Amino acid sequence: MKSEPQDFSIDDLRKRPGQIEPWSGVRNYQARNYMRDDMKLGDPVLFYHSSVVPPGVAGLAEIASDPFPDPTAFDKKSKYLDAKAGTHGTVWMCVNVKYVETFPRLLQLEELHRIPGLDSMLVLKRGTRLSIQPVTAKEFKLLMDWIRKHPDAPPPALKVTIPRPAASARGVSKGKPAPVIRAGKPGRA
């Protein structure tokens, strides 16, 4: 699950009462379907910080509820209001997510590309921008084994360089942040 740390970070989750927060505001059908159909109570969650330099996996959470109607869909003050939501409910769902741990260091996206066996992981595929993506049991184990084996820094052969922000076709310069288009809870699609 991806979130922009300036809007909602793993630290924010850790500080919530009971260390639980609804993963609300998801407004992408495929991401909603992953959450609604595939996530089960107790499933581990890789908490990924996106839209920052460098992006990467910050720690672990777990699914702490079954899916339920997203309350932001009914909230007239929410930017995630679903005008079609009403007495018949809403198509938008969410789950509660519970904090588990913060990794000793950010497992950067660039480093994920270099971990043997993760080449098929969806977050590593170009153009894959969903805030909720499935991770196979094998990928999860490889990633967890890696961070446990290298808690302080990647091995020397895998030293990671922080990518430099580049100007985009939209004319965003190095000194200005790129515009962020959001769907879902701040930073979630």
C-alpha atoms as a PDB file:
ATOM      1  CA  MET A   1       0.000   0.000   0.000  1.00  0.00           C
ATOM      2  CA  LYS A   2       1.419   3.360  -1.074  1.00  0.00           C
ATOM      3  CA  SER A   3       0.992   6.680   0.650  1.00  0.00           C
ATOM      4  CA  GLU A   4       2.671  10.035   0.316  1.00  0.00           C
ATOM      5  CA  PRO A   5       4.514  10.525   3.621  1.00  0.00           C
ATOM      6  CA  GLN A   6       3.883  14.281   3.650  1.00  0.00           C
ATOM      7  CA  ASP A   7       0.151  13.422   3.808  1.00  0.00           C
ATOM      8  CA  PHE A   8       0.135  10.129   5.742  1.00  0.00           C
ATOM      9  CA  SER A   9       3.307   8.275   6.694  1.00  0.00           C
ATOM     10  CA  ILE A  10       4.061   5.073   8.543  1.00  0.00           C
ATOM     11  CA  ASP A  11       4.942   7.333  11.477  1.00  0.00           C
ATOM     12  CA  ASP A  12       1.449   8.837  11.326  1.00  0.00           C
ATOM     13  CA  LEU A  13      -0.004   5.317  11.450  1.00  0.00           C
ATOM     14  CA  ARG A  14       2.207   4.469  14.439  1.00  0.00           C
ATOM     15  CA  LYS A  15       0.883   7.542  16.279  1.00  0.00           C
ATOM     16  CA  ARG A  16      -2.830   6.851  15.660  1.00  0.00           C
ATOM     17  CA  PRO A  17      -4.942   5.676  18.593  1.00  0.00           C
ATOM     18  CA  GLY A  18      -4.558   1.907  18.675  1.00  0.00           C
ATOM     19  CA  GLN A  19      -2.120   2.335  15.769  1.00  0.00           C
ATOM     20  CA  ILE A  20      -5.046   1.751  13.379  1.00  0.00           C
ATOM     21  CA  GLU A  21      -6.343   3.884  10.500  1.00  0.00           C
ATOM     22  CA  PRO A  22      -8.948   3.258   7.781  1.00  0.00           C
ATOM     23  CA  TRP A  23      -7.302   3.160   4.338  1.00  0.00           C
ATOM     24  CA  SER A  24     -10.019   5.402   2.963  1.00  0.00           C
ATOM     25  CA  GLY A  25     -10.342   7.626  -0.063  1.00  0.00           C
ATOM     26  CA  VAL A  26      -9.334   5.007  -2.641  1.00  0.00           C
ATOM     27  CA  ARG A  27     -11.031   6.015  -5.890  1.00  0.00           C
ATOM     28  CA  ASN A  28      -9.578   3.581  -8.386  1.00  0.00           C
ATOM     29  CA  TYR A  29     -11.654   0.473  -9.154  1.00  0.00           C
ATOM     30  CA  GLN A  30      -8.708  -1.914  -9.518  1.00  0.00           C
ATOM     31  CA  ALA A  31      -7.117  -0.727  -6.243  1.00  0.00           C
ATOM     32  CA  ARG A  32     -10.541  -0.983  -4.571  1.00  0.00           C
ATOM     33  CA  ASN A  33     -10.960  -4.523  -5.898  1.00  0.00           C
ATOM     34  CA  TYR A  34      -7.580  -5.607  -4.495  1.00  0.00           C
ATOM     35  CA  MET A  35      -8.604  -4.203  -1.122  1.00  0.00           C
ATOM     36  CA  ARG A  36     -12.189  -5.514  -1.217  1.00  0.00           C
ATOM     37  CA  ASP A  37     -11.619  -8.949  -2.754  1.00  0.00           C
ATOM     38  CA  ASP A  38      -8.068 -10.012  -1.944  1.00  0.00           C
ATOM     39  CA  MET A  39      -7.110  -8.575   1.444  1.00  0.00           C
ATOM     40  CA  LYS A  40      -7.896 -10.689   4.485  1.00  0.00           C
ATOM     41  CA  LEU A  41      -7.766  -9.923   8.192  1.00  0.00           C
ATOM     42  CA  GLY A  42      -4.166 -10.281   9.408  1.00  0.00           C
ATOM     43  CA  ASP A  43      -2.570 -10.048   5.932  1.00  0.00           C
ATOM     44  CA  PRO A  44       0.780  -8.240   6.039  1.00  0.00           C
ATOM     45  CA  VAL A  45       1.114  -4.909   4.257  1.00  0.00           C
ATOM     46  CA  LEU A  46       4.288  -3.354   2.883  1.00  0.00           C
ATOM     47  CA  PHE A  47       3.896   0.343   3.695  1.00  0.00           C
ATOM     48  CA  TYR A  48       5.422   2.212   0.751  1.00  0.00           C
ATOM     49  CA  HIS A  49       6.253   5.927   0.761  1.00  0.00           C
ATOM     50  CA  SER A  50       5.594   7.377  -2.698  1.00  0.00           C
ATOM     51  CA  SER A  51       5.978  10.780  -4.358  1.00  0.00           C
ATOM     52  CA  VAL A  52       9.185  11.483  -2.413  1.00  0.00           C
ATOM     53  CA  VAL A  53      12.855  11.228  -3.234  1.00  0.00           C
ATOM     54  CA  PRO A  54      13.736   8.490  -2.667  1.00  0.00           C
ATOM     55  CA  PRO A  55      10.546   6.407  -2.643  1.00  0.00           C
ATOM     56  CA  GLY A  56      10.556   3.038  -0.940  1.00  0.00           C
ATOM     57  CA  VAL A  57       9.194   0.596   1.612  1.00  0.00           C
ATOM     58  CA  ALA A  58       9.192   2.198   5.057  1.00  0.00           C
ATOM     59  CA  GLY A  59       7.855  -0.687   7.106  1.00  0.00           C
ATOM     60  CA  LEU A  60       5.035  -3.095   7.806  1.00  0.00           C
ATOM     61  CA  ALA A  61       1.381  -2.885   8.664  1.00  0.00           C
ATOM     62  CA  GLU A  62      -1.373  -5.470   8.623  1.00  0.00           C
ATOM     63  CA  ILE A  63      -5.000  -5.628   7.592  1.00  0.00           C
ATOM     64  CA  ALA A  64      -7.037  -5.081  10.753  1.00  0.00           C
ATOM     65  CA  SER A  65     -10.609  -5.418   9.469  1.00  0.00           C
ATOM     66  CA  ASP A  66     -12.770  -6.846   6.762  1.00  0.00           C
ATOM     67  CA  PRO A  67     -13.658  -4.377   3.977  1.00  0.00           C
ATOM     68  CA  PHE A  68     -16.402  -1.876   4.815  1.00  0.00           C
ATOM     69  CA  PRO A  69     -18.017   1.080   3.022  1.00  0.00           C
ATOM     70  CA  ASP A  70     -15.630   4.020   2.866  1.00  0.00           C
ATOM     71  CA  PRO A  71     -17.008   6.721   5.190  1.00  0.00           C
ATOM     72  CA  THR A  72     -15.361   9.486   3.145  1.00  0.00           C
ATOM     73  CA  ALA A  73     -17.751   8.622   0.296  1.00  0.00           C
ATOM     74  CA  PHE A  74     -20.635   9.966   2.448  1.00  0.00           C
ATOM     75  CA  ASP A  75     -18.804  12.923   4.015  1.00  0.00           C
ATOM     76  CA  LYS A  76     -19.970  16.153   2.397  1.00  0.00           C
ATOM     77  CA  LYS A  77     -16.798  17.889   3.657  1.00  0.00           C
ATOM     78  CA  SER A  78     -14.449  15.275   2.181  1.00  0.00           C
ATOM     79  CA  LYS A  79     -12.743  15.710  -1.147  1.00  0.00           C
ATOM     80  CA  TYR A  80     -13.525  11.993  -1.601  1.00  0.00           C
ATOM     81  CA  LEU A  81     -17.298  12.484  -1.419  1.00  0.00           C
ATOM     82  CA  ASP A  82     -19.127  10.155  -3.795  1.00  0.00           C
ATOM     83  CA  ALA A  83     -22.098  12.155  -5.100  1.00  0.00           C
ATOM     84  CA  LYS A  84     -23.835   8.853  -5.950  1.00  0.00           C
ATOM     85  CA  ALA A  85     -23.448   7.475  -2.423  1.00  0.00           C
ATOM     86  CA  GLY A  86     -26.573   7.501  -0.318  1.00  0.00           C
ATOM     87  CA  THR A  87     -29.130   5.250   1.244  1.00  0.00           C
ATOM     88  CA  HIS A  88     -28.122   2.445  -1.097  1.00  0.00           C
ATOM     89  CA  GLY A  89     -24.481   2.676  -0.034  1.00  0.00           C
ATOM     90  CA  THR A  90     -21.398   3.270  -2.126  1.00  0.00           C
ATOM     91  CA  VAL A  91     -19.138   1.273  -4.405  1.00  0.00           C
ATOM     92  CA  TRP A  92     -16.087   2.555  -2.492  1.00  0.00           C
ATOM     93  CA  MET A  93     -14.646   0.369   0.239  1.00  0.00           C
ATOM     94  CA  CYS A  94     -11.811   0.574   2.733  1.00  0.00           C
ATOM     95  CA  VAL A  95     -10.101  -1.569   5.349  1.00  0.00           C
ATOM     96  CA  ASN A  96      -8.489  -0.729   8.645  1.00  0.00           C
ATOM     97  CA  VAL A  97      -4.708  -0.948   8.600  1.00  0.00           C
ATOM     98  CA  LYS A  98      -2.679  -1.518  11.779  1.00  0.00           C
ATOM     99  CA  TYR A  99       0.929  -0.481  12.338  1.00  0.00           C
ATOM    100  CA  VAL A 100       3.401  -3.343  12.818  1.00  0.00           C
ATOM    101  CA  GLU A 101       6.915  -1.909  12.470  1.00  0.00           C
ATOM    102  CA  THR A 102       9.075   0.721  10.859  1.00  0.00           C
ATOM    103  CA  PHE A 103      12.106  -0.668   9.064  1.00  0.00           C
ATOM    104  CA  PRO A 104      15.513   0.443  10.393  1.00  0.00           C
ATOM    105  CA  ARG A 105      15.969   2.236   7.072  1.00  0.00           C
ATOM    106  CA  LEU A 106      13.932   3.001   3.977  1.00  0.00           C
ATOM    107  CA  LEU A 107      14.165   0.142   1.498  1.00  0.00           C
ATOM    108  CA  GLN A 108      14.498   2.364  -1.551  1.00  0.00           C
ATOM    109  CA  LEU A 109      12.831   1.640  -4.880  1.00  0.00           C
ATOM    110  CA  GLU A 110      16.221   1.622  -6.602  1.00  0.00           C
ATOM    111  CA  GLU A 111      17.409  -1.066  -4.181  1.00  0.00           C
ATOM    112  CA  LEU A 112      14.265  -3.138  -4.757  1.00  0.00           C
ATOM    113  CA  HIS A 113      15.208  -3.280  -8.442  1.00  0.00           C
ATOM    114  CA  ARG A 114      18.492  -4.928  -7.458  1.00  0.00           C
ATOM    115  CA  ILE A 115      17.184  -7.599  -5.082  1.00  0.00           C
ATOM    116  CA  PRO A 116      17.397 -10.972  -6.838  1.00  0.00           C
ATOM    117  CA  GLY A 117      13.974 -12.480  -7.464  1.00  0.00           C
ATOM    118  CA  LEU A 118      11.916  -9.273  -7.277  1.00  0.00           C
ATOM    119  CA  ASP A 119      12.027  -8.459 -11.000  1.00  0.00           C
ATOM    120  CA  SER A 120       8.311  -9.353 -11.423  1.00  0.00           C
ATOM    121  CA  MET A 121       7.109  -7.294  -8.456  1.00  0.00           C
ATOM    122  CA  LEU A 122       4.378  -4.918  -9.667  1.00  0.00           C
ATOM    123  CA  VAL A 123       5.768  -1.819  -7.942  1.00  0.00           C
ATOM    124  CA  LEU A 124       8.906  -2.257 -10.062  1.00  0.00           C
ATOM    125  CA  LYS A 125       7.020  -2.293 -13.361  1.00  0.00           C
ATOM    126  CA  ARG A 126       7.149   0.915 -15.337  1.00  0.00           C
ATOM    127  CA  GLY A 127       3.818   2.727 -15.381  1.00  0.00           C
ATOM    128  CA  THR A 128       2.339   0.825 -12.425  1.00  0.00           C
ATOM    129  CA  ARG A 129       0.984   3.597 -10.233  1.00  0.00           C
ATOM    130  CA  LEU A 130      -1.808   1.997  -8.198  1.00  0.00           C
ATOM    131  CA  SER A 131      -1.667   2.722  -4.488  1.00  0.00           C
ATOM    132  CA  ILE A 132      -2.657  -0.852  -3.692  1.00  0.00           C
ATOM    133  CA  GLN A 133      -0.827  -3.674  -5.434  1.00  0.00           C
ATOM    134  CA  PRO A 134      -0.621  -7.376  -4.717  1.00  0.00           C
ATOM    135  CA  VAL A 135       2.689  -8.846  -3.571  1.00  0.00           C
ATOM    136  CA  THR A 136       3.321 -12.585  -3.850  1.00  0.00           C
ATOM    137  CA  ALA A 137       4.331 -14.612  -0.806  1.00  0.00           C
ATOM    138  CA  LYS A 138       7.716 -15.233  -2.471  1.00  0.00           C
ATOM    139  CA  GLU A 139       8.281 -11.490  -3.097  1.00  0.00           C
ATOM    140  CA  PHE A 140       7.271 -10.665   0.471  1.00  0.00           C
ATOM    141  CA  LYS A 141       9.678 -13.264   1.891  1.00  0.00           C
ATOM    142  CA  LEU A 142      12.559 -12.097  -0.320  1.00  0.00           C
ATOM    143  CA  LEU A 143      12.010  -8.479   0.686  1.00  0.00           C
ATOM    144  CA  MET A 144      11.711  -9.288   4.392  1.00  0.00           C
ATOM    145  CA  ASP A 145      14.776 -11.558   4.321  1.00  0.00           C
ATOM    146  CA  TRP A 146      16.693  -8.753   2.583  1.00  0.00           C
ATOM    147  CA  ILE A 147      15.853  -6.013   5.079  1.00  0.00           C
ATOM    148  CA  ARG A 148      16.544  -8.346   8.013  1.00  0.00           C
ATOM    149  CA  LYS A 149      19.918  -9.300   6.515  1.00  0.00           C
ATOM    150  CA  HIS A 150      20.845  -5.684   5.624  1.00  0.00           C
ATOM    151  CA  PRO A 151      19.248  -3.472   8.338  1.00  0.00           C
ATOM    152  CA  ASP A 152      21.890  -0.728   8.212  1.00  0.00           C
ATOM    153  CA  ALA A 153      22.689  -0.337   4.518  1.00  0.00           C
ATOM    154  CA  PRO A 154      22.553  -2.255   1.266  1.00  0.00           C
ATOM    155  CA  PRO A 155      25.603  -4.431   0.592  1.00  0.00           C
ATOM    156  CA  PRO A 156      28.464  -2.524  -1.107  1.00  0.00           C
ATOM    157  CA  ALA A 157      27.770  -4.080  -4.495  1.00  0.00           C
ATOM    158  CA  LEU A 158      24.262  -2.672  -4.276  1.00  0.00           C
ATOM    159  CA  LYS A 159      24.950   0.825  -2.976  1.00  0.00           C
ATOM    160  CA  VAL A 160      21.958   2.880  -3.959  1.00  0.00           C
ATOM    161  CA  THR A 161      22.181   6.346  -5.388  1.00  0.00           C
ATOM    162  CA  ILE A 162      19.306   8.705  -4.842  1.00  0.00           C
ATOM    163  CA  PRO A 163      17.778   9.566  -8.214  1.00  0.00           C
ATOM    164  CA  ARG A 164      17.887  13.243  -9.090  1.00  0.00           C
ATOM    165  CA  PRO A 165      14.604  14.897  -9.982  1.00  0.00           C
ATOM    166  CA  ALA A 166      14.531  15.760 -13.648  1.00  0.00           C
ATOM    167  CA  ALA A 167      12.487  18.230 -15.620  1.00  0.00           C
ATOM    168  CA  SER A 168       9.402  16.622 -17.097  1.00  0.00           C
ATOM    169  CA  ALA A 169       7.577  17.195 -20.332  1.00  0.00           C
ATOM    170  CA  ARG A 170       5.219  19.410 -18.311  1.00  0.00           C
ATOM    171  CA  GLY A 171       8.066  21.823 -17.712  1.00  0.00           C
ATOM    172  CA  VAL A 172       8.595  21.106 -14.035  1.00  0.00           C
ATOM    173  CA  SER A 173      12.036  22.327 -13.068  1.00  0.00           C
ATOM    174  CA  LYS A 174      14.400  20.891 -10.471  1.00  0.00           C
ATOM    175  CA  GLY A 175      13.570  23.616  -7.999  1.00  0.00           C
ATOM    176  CA  LYS A 176       9.802  23.135  -8.099  1.00  0.00           C
ATOM    177  CA  PRO A 177       7.917  20.063  -6.963  1.00  0.00           C
ATOM    178  CA  ALA A 178       5.978  18.199  -9.598  1.00  0.00           C
ATOM    179  CA  PRO A 179       2.225  18.613  -9.441  1.00  0.00           C
ATOM    180  CA  VAL A 180       0.600  15.706  -7.680  1.00  0.00           C
ATOM    181  CA  ILE A 181      -2.626  14.232  -8.980  1.00  0.00           C
ATOM    182  CA  ARG A 182      -4.313  12.299  -6.195  1.00  0.00           C
ATOM    183  CA  ALA A 183      -7.130   9.845  -6.033  1.00  0.00           C
ATOM    184  CA  GLY A 184      -7.875   8.249  -2.725  1.00  0.00           C
ATOM    185  CA  LYS A 185      -6.755   9.093   0.775  1.00  0.00           C
ATOM    186  CA  PRO A 186      -3.992  11.647   0.428  1.00  0.00           C
ATOM    187  CA  GLY A 187      -1.454  10.026  -1.827  1.00  0.00           C
ATOM    188  CA  ARG A 188      -3.501   6.950  -2.640  1.00  0.00           C
ATOM    189  CA  ALA A 189      -4.967   5.880  -5.958  1.00  0.00           C
END
